[in-house]
Amino acid sequence: MKQFLGIVICLTTLFSSLPAQAQWKKLLKQLEPKKETQNSNQNKGSKTENLIFGGLKALQGLLPIGYKEEMAIGGAVALEAVARFGGLFEDPSVEKYIATVGNAIALTSDRPDIPYYFGILNTEEPNAFACPGGYIFMSRGLLKLVQNEAQLAGILGHEIAHVSKKHALETIRRSKALAGISEVTLTALDKDPQMFDSVVKEVVNMIFENGLGRTKELEADKIGVEFAYRVGYNPNALKSFIELLKPHMSGSRQFSLSKTHPDPKDRAQNLQNVLSQSNYKGSQSLPLLADRLVTSLSNIKL
């Protein structure tokens, strides 16, 4: 009861204070490169080369891949996600609901001190992504498969875990794009926009095409379950949702989820081992909140 009350209080508080879709649009507009005038003498680069470039000169001498660098890289990757997967699904009520649950999880995460942005991609392909800096996306197709709010919390917890553990940043620090670079600062990116472009492209390929790797995905499952459990959700829900994904990751029509994530059977077994630990005993009685999910999405045509 205490944990369930925590869900109610946390979500009620957040629901009254979350940014709406207009702020998502404002954020994306800020990230978009400015159009060049006909008389401009600036070099014409790719979209990602010019992205956020205007803000790079304002900051100096930061630590290797610090938060502001992470935001610059993540913002570019977020724009690519929106462009690649059909744009944002625009419905203020469902967006607010997803962001409410997501921010509740983020507040209990191991990295609650940064802002998180939640968006729904307008594509039928089931998938979810976490871009560096706290940009979290799930697709309309994936949302249609979710059966209850606890499953939604587990999915968002998994993505928040990627941001919390800085999985993408950890990988690119060892990448060829940064070979010979001792530190990644906005100053360095300012001096070498091609390096910024290379880093962004590498993160895009990693997140959308190749995946972060089995170890990091299984770790995100484990940590995501814990984040959702801290709020009071049933931690078994993510395992049940992953088991639903199997038909979408086999056969003739395989989605990108099968390229970027381990086999659902492998993930489900890993989570079963995690859930058998003593700190999750008795968790079966924790709420799934299927009715609240249905109510929140009842008037939405996904």
C-alpha atoms as a PDB file:
ATOM      1  CA  MET A   1       0.000   0.000   0.000  1.00  0.00           C
ATOM      2  CA  LYS A   2       2.824   2.391   0.828  1.00  0.00           C
ATOM      3  CA  GLN A   3       4.453   1.820  -2.571  1.00  0.00           C
ATOM      4  CA  PHE A   4       1.135   2.166  -4.395  1.00  0.00           C
ATOM      5  CA  LEU A   5       0.505   5.438  -2.563  1.00  0.00           C
ATOM      6  CA  GLY A   6       3.952   6.550  -3.739  1.00  0.00           C
ATOM      7  CA  ILE A   7       2.856   6.020  -7.361  1.00  0.00           C
ATOM      8  CA  VAL A   8      -0.308   8.045  -6.845  1.00  0.00           C
ATOM      9  CA  ILE A   9       1.427  10.969  -5.115  1.00  0.00           C
ATOM     10  CA  CYS A  10       4.379  11.044  -7.521  1.00  0.00           C
ATOM     11  CA  LEU A  11       2.293  10.897 -10.686  1.00  0.00           C
ATOM     12  CA  THR A  12      -0.328  13.344  -9.458  1.00  0.00           C
ATOM     13  CA  THR A  13       2.364  15.888  -8.628  1.00  0.00           C
ATOM     14  CA  LEU A  14       4.123  15.448 -11.939  1.00  0.00           C
ATOM     15  CA  PHE A  15       0.946  15.512 -14.005  1.00  0.00           C
ATOM     16  CA  SER A  16       0.274  19.079 -12.988  1.00  0.00           C
ATOM     17  CA  SER A  17       3.750  20.359 -13.839  1.00  0.00           C
ATOM     18  CA  LEU A  18       5.062  18.533 -16.929  1.00  0.00           C
ATOM     19  CA  PRO A  19       6.051  20.269 -20.181  1.00  0.00           C
ATOM     20  CA  ALA A  20       3.499  19.810 -22.942  1.00  0.00           C
ATOM     21  CA  GLN A  21       4.000  19.052 -26.635  1.00  0.00           C
ATOM     22  CA  ALA A  22       4.554  22.730 -27.375  1.00  0.00           C
ATOM     23  CA  GLN A  23       7.721  22.588 -25.299  1.00  0.00           C
ATOM     24  CA  TRP A  24       8.889  19.503 -27.189  1.00  0.00           C
ATOM     25  CA  LYS A  25       8.423  21.454 -30.413  1.00  0.00           C
ATOM     26  CA  LYS A  26      10.227  24.432 -28.923  1.00  0.00           C
ATOM     27  CA  LEU A  27      13.107  22.188 -27.857  1.00  0.00           C
ATOM     28  CA  LEU A  28      13.390  20.599 -31.292  1.00  0.00           C
ATOM     29  CA  LYS A  29      13.215  24.010 -32.948  1.00  0.00           C
ATOM     30  CA  GLN A  30      16.100  25.175 -30.777  1.00  0.00           C
ATOM     31  CA  LEU A  31      18.121  22.163 -31.889  1.00  0.00           C
ATOM     32  CA  GLU A  32      17.457  22.663 -35.587  1.00  0.00           C
ATOM     33  CA  PRO A  33      20.220  24.398 -37.555  1.00  0.00           C
ATOM     34  CA  LYS A  34      19.406  27.903 -38.722  1.00  0.00           C
ATOM     35  CA  LYS A  35      18.766  28.367 -42.447  1.00  0.00           C
ATOM     36  CA  GLU A  36      21.551  30.034 -44.342  1.00  0.00           C
ATOM     37  CA  THR A  37      20.852  33.223 -46.271  1.00  0.00           C
ATOM     38  CA  GLN A  38      21.669  33.508 -49.953  1.00  0.00           C
ATOM     39  CA  ASN A  39      24.596  35.818 -49.189  1.00  0.00           C
ATOM     40  CA  SER A  40      26.017  33.643 -46.470  1.00  0.00           C
ATOM     41  CA  ASN A  41      29.649  32.676 -46.792  1.00  0.00           C
ATOM     42  CA  GLN A  42      29.362  29.850 -44.289  1.00  0.00           C
ATOM     43  CA  ASN A  43      30.391  26.415 -45.434  1.00  0.00           C
ATOM     44  CA  LYS A  44      27.445  24.206 -46.260  1.00  0.00           C
ATOM     45  CA  GLY A  45      27.676  21.048 -44.216  1.00  0.00           C
ATOM     46  CA  SER A  46      25.298  18.267 -43.371  1.00  0.00           C
ATOM     47  CA  LYS A  47      22.363  18.803 -41.049  1.00  0.00           C
ATOM     48  CA  THR A  48      24.183  17.201 -38.175  1.00  0.00           C
ATOM     49  CA  GLU A  49      27.342  19.255 -38.767  1.00  0.00           C
ATOM     50  CA  ASN A  50      25.485  22.517 -38.270  1.00  0.00           C
ATOM     51  CA  LEU A  51      23.265  21.222 -35.462  1.00  0.00           C
ATOM     52  CA  ILE A  52      23.774  23.134 -32.241  1.00  0.00           C
ATOM     53  CA  PHE A  53      26.967  24.551 -33.787  1.00  0.00           C
ATOM     54  CA  GLY A  54      25.981  28.088 -32.893  1.00  0.00           C
ATOM     55  CA  GLY A  55      26.037  27.244 -29.213  1.00  0.00           C
ATOM     56  CA  LEU A  56      29.411  25.568 -29.211  1.00  0.00           C
ATOM     57  CA  LYS A  57      31.418  28.799 -29.011  1.00  0.00           C
ATOM     58  CA  ALA A  58      29.730  29.913 -25.818  1.00  0.00           C
ATOM     59  CA  LEU A  59      31.322  27.349 -23.528  1.00  0.00           C
ATOM     60  CA  GLN A  60      34.945  26.525 -22.876  1.00  0.00           C
ATOM     61  CA  GLY A  61      37.155  23.976 -21.130  1.00  0.00           C
ATOM     62  CA  LEU A  62      34.649  21.320 -20.035  1.00  0.00           C
ATOM     63  CA  LEU A  63      35.495  17.824 -18.863  1.00  0.00           C
ATOM     64  CA  PRO A  64      35.602  14.940 -21.387  1.00  0.00           C
ATOM     65  CA  ILE A  65      32.061  14.291 -22.653  1.00  0.00           C
ATOM     66  CA  GLY A  66      30.554  16.400 -19.893  1.00  0.00           C
ATOM     67  CA  TYR A  67      26.831  17.037 -19.635  1.00  0.00           C
ATOM     68  CA  LYS A  68      26.722  19.937 -22.087  1.00  0.00           C
ATOM     69  CA  GLU A  69      28.656  17.943 -24.661  1.00  0.00           C
ATOM     70  CA  GLU A  70      26.322  15.020 -23.993  1.00  0.00           C
ATOM     71  CA  MET A  71      23.321  17.301 -24.593  1.00  0.00           C
ATOM     72  CA  ALA A  72      24.785  18.565 -27.869  1.00  0.00           C
ATOM     73  CA  ILE A  73      25.413  15.046 -29.153  1.00  0.00           C
ATOM     74  CA  GLY A  74      22.110  13.727 -27.811  1.00  0.00           C
ATOM     75  CA  GLY A  75      20.155  16.633 -29.280  1.00  0.00           C
ATOM     76  CA  ALA A  76      21.532  15.869 -32.746  1.00  0.00           C
ATOM     77  CA  VAL A  77      20.684  12.180 -32.372  1.00  0.00           C
ATOM     78  CA  ALA A  78      17.178  13.075 -31.140  1.00  0.00           C
ATOM     79  CA  LEU A  79      16.544  15.127 -34.268  1.00  0.00           C
ATOM     80  CA  GLU A  80      17.684  12.190 -36.382  1.00  0.00           C
ATOM     81  CA  ALA A  81      15.245   9.911 -34.518  1.00  0.00           C
ATOM     82  CA  VAL A  82      12.346  12.268 -35.222  1.00  0.00           C
ATOM     83  CA  ALA A  83      13.323  12.599 -38.897  1.00  0.00           C
ATOM     84  CA  ARG A  84      13.922   8.877 -39.398  1.00  0.00           C
ATOM     85  CA  PHE A  85      10.843   7.493 -37.675  1.00  0.00           C
ATOM     86  CA  GLY A  86       7.927   9.515 -38.975  1.00  0.00           C
ATOM     87  CA  GLY A  87       8.112  12.590 -36.778  1.00  0.00           C
ATOM     88  CA  LEU A  88       6.438  12.968 -33.407  1.00  0.00           C
ATOM     89  CA  PHE A  89       3.004  11.526 -32.695  1.00  0.00           C
ATOM     90  CA  GLU A  90       1.096  14.586 -31.586  1.00  0.00           C
ATOM     91  CA  ASP A  91      -1.587  14.102 -28.977  1.00  0.00           C
ATOM     92  CA  PRO A  92      -1.180  16.248 -25.850  1.00  0.00           C
ATOM     93  CA  SER A  93      -2.983  13.879 -23.490  1.00  0.00           C
ATOM     94  CA  VAL A  94      -1.019  10.743 -24.395  1.00  0.00           C
ATOM     95  CA  GLU A  95       2.245  12.686 -24.515  1.00  0.00           C
ATOM     96  CA  LYS A  96       1.567  14.051 -21.060  1.00  0.00           C
ATOM     97  CA  TYR A  97       0.724  10.597 -19.743  1.00  0.00           C
ATOM     98  CA  ILE A  98       3.945   9.045 -21.091  1.00  0.00           C
ATOM     99  CA  ALA A  99       6.014  11.939 -19.758  1.00  0.00           C
ATOM    100  CA  THR A 100       4.297  11.680 -16.377  1.00  0.00           C
ATOM    101  CA  VAL A 101       5.217   8.027 -15.964  1.00  0.00           C
ATOM    102  CA  GLY A 102       8.681   8.622 -17.434  1.00  0.00           C
ATOM    103  CA  ASN A 103       9.530  11.488 -15.110  1.00  0.00           C
ATOM    104  CA  ALA A 104       8.314   9.512 -12.102  1.00  0.00           C
ATOM    105  CA  ILE A 105      10.825   6.799 -13.042  1.00  0.00           C
ATOM    106  CA  ALA A 106      13.562   9.341 -13.775  1.00  0.00           C
ATOM    107  CA  LEU A 107      13.154  10.918 -10.331  1.00  0.00           C
ATOM    108  CA  THR A 108      13.902   7.566  -8.702  1.00  0.00           C
ATOM    109  CA  SER A 109      16.773   6.735 -11.052  1.00  0.00           C
ATOM    110  CA  ASP A 110      20.463   6.975 -10.288  1.00  0.00           C
ATOM    111  CA  ARG A 111      20.628  10.156 -12.344  1.00  0.00           C
ATOM    112  CA  PRO A 112      17.655  12.285 -11.276  1.00  0.00           C
ATOM    113  CA  ASP A 113      19.433  15.632 -11.527  1.00  0.00           C
ATOM    114  CA  ILE A 114      19.082  16.161 -15.294  1.00  0.00           C
ATOM    115  CA  PRO A 115      15.928  16.957 -17.286  1.00  0.00           C
ATOM    116  CA  TYR A 116      14.393  14.129 -19.320  1.00  0.00           C
ATOM    117  CA  TYR A 117      12.391  14.585 -22.510  1.00  0.00           C
ATOM    118  CA  PHE A 118       9.857  11.970 -23.618  1.00  0.00           C
ATOM    119  CA  GLY A 119       8.467  11.688 -27.127  1.00  0.00           C
ATOM    120  CA  ILE A 120       6.353   9.242 -29.133  1.00  0.00           C
ATOM    121  CA  LEU A 121       7.570   8.484 -32.645  1.00  0.00           C
ATOM    122  CA  ASN A 122       4.858   8.266 -35.289  1.00  0.00           C
ATOM    123  CA  THR A 123       5.733   4.833 -36.648  1.00  0.00           C
ATOM    124  CA  GLU A 124       4.094   1.417 -36.432  1.00  0.00           C
ATOM    125  CA  GLU A 125       7.462  -0.259 -35.963  1.00  0.00           C
ATOM    126  CA  PRO A 126       7.775  -1.295 -32.301  1.00  0.00           C
ATOM    127  CA  ASN A 127      10.896   0.136 -30.707  1.00  0.00           C
ATOM    128  CA  ALA A 128      12.199   2.522 -28.064  1.00  0.00           C
ATOM    129  CA  PHE A 129      15.390   4.566 -27.917  1.00  0.00           C
ATOM    130  CA  ALA A 130      17.433   6.546 -25.436  1.00  0.00           C
ATOM    131  CA  CYS A 131      19.634   9.330 -26.795  1.00  0.00           C
ATOM    132  CA  PRO A 132      22.448  10.800 -24.686  1.00  0.00           C
ATOM    133  CA  GLY A 133      21.400  13.699 -22.502  1.00  0.00           C
ATOM    134  CA  GLY A 134      17.986  12.345 -21.495  1.00  0.00           C
ATOM    135  CA  TYR A 135      16.024  12.224 -24.770  1.00  0.00           C
ATOM    136  CA  ILE A 136      13.718   9.184 -24.547  1.00  0.00           C
ATOM    137  CA  PHE A 137      11.552   7.919 -27.408  1.00  0.00           C
ATOM    138  CA  MET A 138       9.098   5.085 -27.831  1.00  0.00           C
ATOM    139  CA  SER A 139       7.185   4.346 -30.998  1.00  0.00           C
ATOM    140  CA  ARG A 140       3.437   4.385 -31.493  1.00  0.00           C
ATOM    141  CA  GLY A 141       3.724   0.727 -32.559  1.00  0.00           C
ATOM    142  CA  LEU A 142       5.390  -0.246 -29.299  1.00  0.00           C
ATOM    143  CA  LEU A 143       2.862   1.681 -27.230  1.00  0.00           C
ATOM    144  CA  LYS A 144       0.045  -0.300 -28.886  1.00  0.00           C
ATOM    145  CA  LEU A 145       1.546  -3.516 -27.484  1.00  0.00           C
ATOM    146  CA  VAL A 146       1.705  -2.301 -23.883  1.00  0.00           C
ATOM    147  CA  GLN A 147      -0.894  -3.971 -21.657  1.00  0.00           C
ATOM    148  CA  ASN A 148      -0.544  -2.037 -18.405  1.00  0.00           C
ATOM    149  CA  GLU A 149       1.196   0.935 -16.823  1.00  0.00           C
ATOM    150  CA  ALA A 150       3.740  -1.231 -15.031  1.00  0.00           C
ATOM    151  CA  GLN A 151       4.954  -2.520 -18.415  1.00  0.00           C
ATOM    152  CA  LEU A 152       5.201   1.063 -19.640  1.00  0.00           C
ATOM    153  CA  ALA A 153       7.202   1.946 -16.530  1.00  0.00           C
ATOM    154  CA  GLY A 154       9.558  -0.973 -17.166  1.00  0.00           C
ATOM    155  CA  ILE A 155      10.134   0.080 -20.785  1.00  0.00           C
ATOM    156  CA  LEU A 156      10.842   3.679 -19.818  1.00  0.00           C
ATOM    157  CA  GLY A 157      12.995   2.466 -16.919  1.00  0.00           C
ATOM    158  CA  HIS A 158      15.086   0.460 -19.394  1.00  0.00           C
ATOM    159  CA  GLU A 159      15.669   3.538 -21.563  1.00  0.00           C
ATOM    160  CA  ILE A 160      16.384   5.789 -18.581  1.00  0.00           C
ATOM    161  CA  ALA A 161      18.932   3.206 -17.417  1.00  0.00           C
ATOM    162  CA  HIS A 162      20.836   3.698 -20.691  1.00  0.00           C
ATOM    163  CA  VAL A 163      21.047   7.425 -19.938  1.00  0.00           C
ATOM    164  CA  SER A 164      21.808   6.889 -16.262  1.00  0.00           C
ATOM    165  CA  LYS A 165      24.695   4.523 -17.040  1.00  0.00           C
ATOM    166  CA  LYS A 166      25.841   6.663 -20.020  1.00  0.00           C
ATOM    167  CA  HIS A 167      25.983   3.547 -22.174  1.00  0.00           C
ATOM    168  CA  ALA A 168      26.261   5.375 -25.513  1.00  0.00           C
ATOM    169  CA  LEU A 169      28.924   7.768 -24.214  1.00  0.00           C
ATOM    170  CA  GLU A 170      30.924   4.907 -22.778  1.00  0.00           C
ATOM    171  CA  THR A 171      30.989   3.270 -26.187  1.00  0.00           C
ATOM    172  CA  ILE A 172      31.911   6.335 -28.257  1.00  0.00           C
ATOM    173  CA  ARG A 173      34.782   7.232 -25.951  1.00  0.00           C
ATOM    174  CA  ARG A 174      36.497   4.151 -27.354  1.00  0.00           C
ATOM    175  CA  SER A 175      35.408   4.791 -30.927  1.00  0.00           C
ATOM    176  CA  LYS A 176      37.471   5.536 -34.029  1.00  0.00           C
ATOM    177  CA  ALA A 177      35.721   8.901 -34.315  1.00  0.00           C
ATOM    178  CA  LEU A 178      37.618  10.034 -31.221  1.00  0.00           C
ATOM    179  CA  ALA A 179      40.923   8.336 -31.973  1.00  0.00           C
ATOM    180  CA  GLY A 180      43.783  10.493 -30.741  1.00  0.00           C
ATOM    181  CA  ILE A 181      41.464  12.899 -28.892  1.00  0.00           C
ATOM    182  CA  SER A 182      42.324  13.281 -25.209  1.00  0.00           C
ATOM    183  CA  GLU A 183      39.082  15.033 -24.263  1.00  0.00           C
ATOM    184  CA  VAL A 184      35.777  15.915 -25.872  1.00  0.00           C
ATOM    185  CA  THR A 185      34.775  19.483 -25.111  1.00  0.00           C
ATOM    186  CA  LEU A 186      32.528  21.964 -26.816  1.00  0.00           C
ATOM    187  CA  THR A 187      35.710  23.887 -27.606  1.00  0.00           C
ATOM    188  CA  ALA A 188      37.112  20.867 -29.439  1.00  0.00           C
ATOM    189  CA  LEU A 189      33.835  20.316 -31.286  1.00  0.00           C
ATOM    190  CA  ASP A 190      33.818  23.993 -32.249  1.00  0.00           C
ATOM    191  CA  LYS A 191      37.286  23.704 -33.780  1.00  0.00           C
ATOM    192  CA  ASP A 192      36.496  20.455 -35.578  1.00  0.00           C
ATOM    193  CA  PRO A 193      32.849  20.206 -36.720  1.00  0.00           C
ATOM    194  CA  GLN A 194      33.724  17.117 -38.732  1.00  0.00           C
ATOM    195  CA  MET A 195      34.559  15.361 -35.474  1.00  0.00           C
ATOM    196  CA  PHE A 196      31.151  16.369 -34.101  1.00  0.00           C
ATOM    197  CA  ASP A 197      29.523  15.022 -37.254  1.00  0.00           C
ATOM    198  CA  SER A 198      31.485  11.754 -36.969  1.00  0.00           C
ATOM    199  CA  VAL A 199      30.536  11.299 -33.328  1.00  0.00           C
ATOM    200  CA  VAL A 200      26.851  11.951 -34.047  1.00  0.00           C
ATOM    201  CA  LYS A 201      26.842   9.534 -36.976  1.00  0.00           C
ATOM    202  CA  GLU A 202      28.491   6.872 -34.868  1.00  0.00           C
ATOM    203  CA  VAL A 203      25.905   7.260 -32.096  1.00  0.00           C
ATOM    204  CA  VAL A 204      23.078   7.219 -34.666  1.00  0.00           C
ATOM    205  CA  ASN A 205      24.363   3.977 -36.181  1.00  0.00           C
ATOM    206  CA  MET A 206      24.920   2.455 -32.765  1.00  0.00           C
ATOM    207  CA  ILE A 207      21.457   3.258 -31.393  1.00  0.00           C
ATOM    208  CA  PHE A 208      19.350   2.765 -34.529  1.00  0.00           C
ATOM    209  CA  GLU A 209      21.258   0.122 -36.469  1.00  0.00           C
ATOM    210  CA  ASN A 210      23.821  -1.908 -34.523  1.00  0.00           C
ATOM    211  CA  GLY A 211      22.689  -1.637 -30.909  1.00  0.00           C
ATOM    212  CA  LEU A 212      24.598  -1.044 -27.705  1.00  0.00           C
ATOM    213  CA  GLY A 213      25.449  -4.699 -27.256  1.00  0.00           C
ATOM    214  CA  ARG A 214      24.054  -7.598 -25.266  1.00  0.00           C
ATOM    215  CA  THR A 215      25.761  -6.724 -21.991  1.00  0.00           C
ATOM    216  CA  LYS A 216      24.455  -3.150 -21.894  1.00  0.00           C
ATOM    217  CA  GLU A 217      20.937  -4.172 -22.924  1.00  0.00           C
ATOM    218  CA  LEU A 218      20.702  -6.823 -20.221  1.00  0.00           C
ATOM    219  CA  GLU A 219      22.080  -4.343 -17.704  1.00  0.00           C
ATOM    220  CA  ALA A 220      19.435  -1.794 -18.762  1.00  0.00           C
ATOM    221  CA  ASP A 221      16.723  -4.431 -18.239  1.00  0.00           C
ATOM    222  CA  LYS A 222      18.008  -5.146 -14.742  1.00  0.00           C
ATOM    223  CA  ILE A 223      18.372  -1.490 -13.750  1.00  0.00           C
ATOM    224  CA  GLY A 224      15.119  -0.454 -15.433  1.00  0.00           C
ATOM    225  CA  VAL A 225      13.201  -2.993 -13.373  1.00  0.00           C
ATOM    226  CA  GLU A 226      14.773  -1.588 -10.229  1.00  0.00           C
ATOM    227  CA  PHE A 227      13.889   2.006 -11.164  1.00  0.00           C
ATOM    228  CA  ALA A 228      10.238   1.074 -11.768  1.00  0.00           C
ATOM    229  CA  TYR A 229      10.159  -0.957  -8.551  1.00  0.00           C
ATOM    230  CA  ARG A 230      11.394   2.050  -6.566  1.00  0.00           C
ATOM    231  CA  VAL A 231       8.300   3.971  -7.639  1.00  0.00           C
ATOM    232  CA  GLY A 232       6.085   1.037  -6.646  1.00  0.00           C
ATOM    233  CA  TYR A 233       5.358  -0.719  -9.928  1.00  0.00           C
ATOM    234  CA  ASN A 234       5.275  -4.489 -10.235  1.00  0.00           C
ATOM    235  CA  PRO A 235       8.831  -5.383 -11.345  1.00  0.00           C
ATOM    236  CA  ASN A 236       7.641  -8.507 -13.179  1.00  0.00           C
ATOM    237  CA  ALA A 237       5.908  -6.383 -15.812  1.00  0.00           C
ATOM    238  CA  LEU A 238       8.943  -5.742 -18.028  1.00  0.00           C
ATOM    239  CA  LYS A 239       9.594  -9.484 -18.321  1.00  0.00           C
ATOM    240  CA  SER A 240       6.005 -10.107 -19.372  1.00  0.00           C
ATOM    241  CA  PHE A 241       6.240  -7.360 -21.989  1.00  0.00           C
ATOM    242  CA  ILE A 242       9.522  -8.670 -23.405  1.00  0.00           C
ATOM    243  CA  GLU A 243       7.868 -12.054 -23.848  1.00  0.00           C
ATOM    244  CA  LEU A 244       5.220 -10.325 -25.997  1.00  0.00           C
ATOM    245  CA  LEU A 245       7.935  -9.069 -28.353  1.00  0.00           C
ATOM    246  CA  LYS A 246       9.018 -12.474 -29.660  1.00  0.00           C
ATOM    247  CA  PRO A 247       6.642 -12.517 -32.685  1.00  0.00           C
ATOM    248  CA  HIS A 248       8.007  -9.119 -33.714  1.00  0.00           C
ATOM    249  CA  MET A 249      11.625 -10.269 -33.680  1.00  0.00           C
ATOM    250  CA  SER A 250      11.391 -13.449 -35.755  1.00  0.00           C
ATOM    251  CA  GLY A 251      10.021 -14.630 -39.078  1.00  0.00           C
ATOM    252  CA  SER A 252      10.099 -12.877 -42.427  1.00  0.00           C
ATOM    253  CA  ARG A 253       9.184  -9.424 -41.103  1.00  0.00           C
ATOM    254  CA  GLN A 254      11.831  -8.558 -38.555  1.00  0.00           C
ATOM    255  CA  PHE A 255      11.859  -5.049 -37.146  1.00  0.00           C
ATOM    256  CA  SER A 256      14.972  -3.077 -36.208  1.00  0.00           C
ATOM    257  CA  LEU A 257      14.359  -4.123 -32.608  1.00  0.00           C
ATOM    258  CA  SER A 258      15.786  -7.521 -33.554  1.00  0.00           C
ATOM    259  CA  LYS A 259      19.015  -5.870 -34.769  1.00  0.00           C
ATOM    260  CA  THR A 260      19.564  -3.681 -31.716  1.00  0.00           C
ATOM    261  CA  HIS A 261      18.419  -5.921 -28.841  1.00  0.00           C
ATOM    262  CA  PRO A 262      19.147  -9.474 -27.668  1.00  0.00           C
ATOM    263  CA  ASP A 263      16.671 -12.287 -28.245  1.00  0.00           C
ATOM    264  CA  PRO A 264      13.556 -11.878 -26.035  1.00  0.00           C
ATOM    265  CA  LYS A 265      14.060 -15.360 -24.628  1.00  0.00           C
ATOM    266  CA  ASP A 266      17.544 -14.392 -23.457  1.00  0.00           C
ATOM    267  CA  ARG A 267      16.265 -11.146 -21.943  1.00  0.00           C
ATOM    268  CA  ALA A 268      13.338 -12.847 -20.213  1.00  0.00           C
ATOM    269  CA  GLN A 269      15.623 -15.487 -18.685  1.00  0.00           C
ATOM    270  CA  ASN A 270      18.023 -12.808 -17.466  1.00  0.00           C
ATOM    271  CA  LEU A 271      15.150 -10.922 -15.840  1.00  0.00           C
ATOM    272  CA  GLN A 272      13.838 -14.111 -14.273  1.00  0.00           C
ATOM    273  CA  ASN A 273      17.220 -14.513 -12.582  1.00  0.00           C
ATOM    274  CA  VAL A 274      17.099 -10.891 -11.440  1.00  0.00           C
ATOM    275  CA  LEU A 275      13.546 -11.180 -10.095  1.00  0.00           C
ATOM    276  CA  SER A 276      14.369 -14.310  -8.127  1.00  0.00           C
ATOM    277  CA  GLN A 277      16.639 -12.234  -5.872  1.00  0.00           C
ATOM    278  CA  SER A 278      15.454 -11.687  -2.319  1.00  0.00           C
ATOM    279  CA  ASN A 279      14.721  -7.966  -2.649  1.00  0.00           C
ATOM    280  CA  TYR A 280      11.915  -8.725  -5.138  1.00  0.00           C
ATOM    281  CA  LYS A 281      10.190 -11.430  -3.104  1.00  0.00           C
ATOM    282  CA  GLY A 282       6.513 -10.661  -2.621  1.00  0.00           C
ATOM    283  CA  SER A 283       6.529  -8.189  -5.516  1.00  0.00           C
ATOM    284  CA  GLN A 284       3.825 -10.093  -7.397  1.00  0.00           C
ATOM    285  CA  SER A 285       1.226  -8.215  -5.372  1.00  0.00           C
ATOM    286  CA  LEU A 286       2.431  -4.800  -6.539  1.00  0.00           C
ATOM    287  CA  PRO A 287       0.121  -2.989  -9.002  1.00  0.00           C
ATOM    288  CA  LEU A 288       0.106  -3.370 -12.778  1.00  0.00           C
ATOM    289  CA  LEU A 289      -2.427  -0.549 -13.293  1.00  0.00           C
ATOM    290  CA  ALA A 290      -3.908  -1.917 -16.511  1.00  0.00           C
ATOM    291  CA  ASP A 291      -7.109   0.084 -16.038  1.00  0.00           C
ATOM    292  CA  ARG A 292      -5.217   3.363 -15.738  1.00  0.00           C
ATOM    293  CA  LEU A 293      -3.339   2.693 -18.975  1.00  0.00           C
ATOM    294  CA  VAL A 294      -6.576   1.859 -20.793  1.00  0.00           C
ATOM    295  CA  THR A 295      -8.284   4.967 -19.388  1.00  0.00           C
ATOM    296  CA  SER A 296      -5.381   7.219 -20.325  1.00  0.00           C
ATOM    297  CA  LEU A 297      -5.279   5.922 -23.899  1.00  0.00           C
ATOM    298  CA  SER A 298      -8.995   5.222 -24.413  1.00  0.00           C
ATOM    299  CA  ASN A 299      -9.697   8.244 -26.593  1.00  0.00           C
ATOM    300  CA  ILE A 300      -6.488   7.989 -28.577  1.00  0.00           C
ATOM    301  CA  LYS A 301      -6.286   6.491 -32.057  1.00  0.00           C
ATOM    302  CA  LEU A 302      -2.835   4.945 -32.037  1.00  0.00           C
END
